């Protein structure tokens, strides 16, 4: 008789979300970029959001959609950009679903003990910058 042990993984908490936002904003400020940052829990629910008052208004929407996309596909949005190009495996995905997906770099899933617990999205800078700010925040949380 074999037994399996299930280990509970702590969910993403509000303090975790605030730490992610602070780390992403610190990285963005160091680069002189005004951003919006969104953190979602594993269920896709908003845990924290912050938009610098100097960030372009659309940054709030793009940060949220990037986080949602990274969460739903459990992958950094930077890794998915080519997949939605003509001939790519997800080419029709952005229009096939009635979901707020956005395949622009800046969304990164958050894992704890190998389990997906949420995602962060950053908008307002160039896509590579947003990806760097989000990645730095996730690295700091770990």
Protein backbone atom coordinates (compact mmCIF):
# COMPACT_ATOMS: atom_id res chain seq x y z
CA UNK A 1 0.00 0.00 0.00
CA UNK A 2 1.49 3.31 -1.03
CA UNK A 3 0.78 6.58 0.66
CA UNK A 4 1.13 10.06 -0.67
CA UNK A 5 1.67 13.11 1.38
CA UNK A 6 0.21 16.41 0.33
CA UNK A 7 2.13 19.44 1.50
CA UNK A 8 0.18 22.65 1.80
CA UNK A 9 1.71 25.63 0.07
CA UNK A 10 1.07 29.03 1.60
CA UNK A 11 -1.01 31.22 -0.70
CA UNK A 12 0.07 34.63 -1.92
CA UNK A 13 -0.83 37.05 0.87
CA UNK A 14 -1.55 40.77 0.92
CA UNK A 15 1.89 41.44 2.50
CA UNK A 16 3.46 39.35 -0.30
CA UNK A 17 1.53 41.38 -2.88
CA UNK A 18 2.61 44.66 -1.32
CA UNK A 19 6.24 43.46 -1.28
CA UNK A 20 5.97 42.58 -4.98
CA UNK A 21 4.58 46.02 -5.79
CA UNK A 22 7.25 47.79 -3.74
CA UNK A 23 10.05 45.79 -5.39
CA UNK A 24 8.74 46.38 -8.92
CA UNK A 25 8.25 50.10 -8.28
CA UNK A 26 11.72 50.41 -6.75
CA UNK A 27 13.25 48.79 -9.84
CA UNK A 28 11.18 51.04 -12.13
CA UNK A 29 12.07 54.20 -10.18
CA UNK A 30 15.76 53.31 -10.38
CA UNK A 31 15.36 53.17 -14.17
CA UNK A 32 13.38 56.42 -14.24
CA UNK A 33 10.20 54.72 -15.46
CA UNK A 34 6.68 55.42 -14.14
CA UNK A 35 4.67 52.18 -13.98
CA UNK A 36 1.50 50.50 -12.85
CA UNK A 37 1.79 47.17 -11.04
CA UNK A 38 -0.94 44.56 -10.55
CA UNK A 39 -0.75 41.45 -8.35
CA UNK A 40 -3.33 38.66 -8.68
CA UNK A 41 -3.81 35.63 -6.44
CA UNK A 42 -3.99 32.06 -7.80
CA UNK A 43 -7.70 32.48 -8.54
CA UNK A 44 -7.10 35.57 -10.64
CA UNK A 45 -8.46 37.94 -8.00
CA UNK A 46 -6.88 41.35 -7.47
CA UNK A 47 -4.67 41.39 -4.37
CA UNK A 48 -2.88 44.70 -4.92
CA UNK A 49 -2.59 47.46 -7.50
CA UNK A 50 -0.58 50.64 -7.71
CA UNK A 51 -0.21 53.14 -10.54
CA UNK A 52 2.37 55.88 -10.33
CA UNK A 53 0.57 59.17 -10.92
CA UNK A 54 3.04 59.88 -13.75
CA UNK A 55 2.38 56.57 -15.53
CA UNK A 56 0.36 56.59 -18.72
CA UNK A 57 -3.27 55.82 -17.95
CA UNK A 58 -3.36 52.64 -20.03
CA UNK A 59 -0.58 51.18 -17.87
CA UNK A 60 -3.16 50.15 -15.28
CA UNK A 61 -5.07 48.08 -17.79
CA UNK A 62 -1.98 46.58 -19.40
CA UNK A 63 -0.44 45.60 -16.06
CA UNK A 64 -3.64 43.79 -15.07
CA UNK A 65 -3.97 41.98 -18.39
CA UNK A 66 -0.30 40.95 -18.34
CA UNK A 67 -0.70 39.50 -14.83
CA UNK A 68 -3.87 37.65 -15.87
CA UNK A 69 -2.19 36.19 -18.96
CA UNK A 70 0.88 35.05 -17.01
CA UNK A 71 -1.39 33.43 -14.42
CA UNK A 72 -3.69 31.65 -16.88
CA UNK A 73 -0.85 30.25 -18.98
CA UNK A 74 1.62 29.86 -16.08
CA UNK A 75 4.36 31.51 -18.11
CA UNK A 76 6.01 34.91 -18.39
CA UNK A 77 4.25 36.92 -21.08
CA UNK A 78 7.69 37.66 -22.56
CA UNK A 79 7.91 33.95 -23.42
CA UNK A 80 4.52 33.97 -25.16
CA UNK A 81 4.93 36.85 -27.62
CA UNK A 82 6.10 34.61 -30.48
CA UNK A 83 3.35 32.03 -29.78
CA UNK A 84 0.61 34.46 -30.87
CA UNK A 85 2.30 35.48 -34.12
CA UNK A 86 0.89 34.08 -37.39
CA UNK A 87 1.72 30.40 -37.51
CA UNK A 88 2.31 30.24 -33.75
CA UNK A 89 0.48 27.70 -31.56
CA UNK A 90 -1.59 30.43 -29.82
CA UNK A 91 -2.16 32.61 -32.90
CA UNK A 92 -5.95 32.69 -32.48
CA UNK A 93 -5.99 32.64 -28.68
CA UNK A 94 -6.20 36.43 -28.15
CA UNK A 95 -9.39 36.62 -30.24
CA UNK A 96 -10.83 33.15 -29.54
CA UNK A 97 -11.50 33.77 -25.86
CA UNK A 98 -13.51 36.48 -24.19
CA UNK A 99 -10.72 37.02 -21.66
CA UNK A 100 -8.40 39.96 -20.96
CA UNK A 101 -5.25 38.31 -22.32
CA UNK A 102 -2.31 40.46 -23.36
CA UNK A 103 0.77 38.97 -24.99
CA UNK A 104 3.26 41.75 -24.24
CA UNK A 105 6.24 41.29 -21.93
CA UNK A 106 5.67 42.37 -18.32
CA UNK A 107 3.58 39.57 -16.79
CA UNK A 108 5.27 36.93 -14.61
CA UNK A 109 3.75 34.03 -12.66
CA UNK A 110 4.60 33.72 -8.96
CA UNK A 111 5.46 30.27 -7.58
CA UNK A 112 6.06 28.98 -4.06
CA UNK A 113 7.50 25.50 -3.53
CA UNK A 114 6.91 24.80 -7.20
CA UNK A 115 3.20 25.72 -7.07
CA UNK A 116 1.56 28.60 -8.92
CA UNK A 117 0.24 31.05 -6.30
CA UNK A 118 -0.38 34.19 -8.35
CA UNK A 119 1.08 36.60 -10.88
CA UNK A 120 2.43 40.11 -11.22
CA UNK A 121 2.01 42.44 -14.17
CA UNK A 122 3.89 45.66 -14.85
CA UNK A 123 2.94 48.26 -17.46
CA UNK A 124 4.22 51.68 -18.35
CA UNK A 125 7.72 51.07 -19.62
CA UNK A 126 9.02 49.35 -22.72
CA UNK A 127 8.04 45.66 -22.69
CA UNK A 128 11.58 44.51 -21.85
CA UNK A 129 11.73 47.01 -18.98
CA UNK A 130 8.36 45.88 -17.61
CA UNK A 131 9.49 42.25 -17.76
CA UNK A 132 12.69 43.14 -15.91
CA UNK A 133 10.79 45.00 -13.16
CA UNK A 134 8.32 42.11 -12.70
CA UNK A 135 11.08 39.50 -12.70
CA UNK A 136 13.10 41.48 -10.15
CA UNK A 137 10.06 41.68 -7.87
CA UNK A 138 9.41 37.92 -8.05
CA UNK A 139 13.10 37.22 -7.41
CA UNK A 140 13.02 39.52 -4.36
CA UNK A 141 9.93 37.77 -2.97
CA UNK A 142 11.64 34.37 -3.24
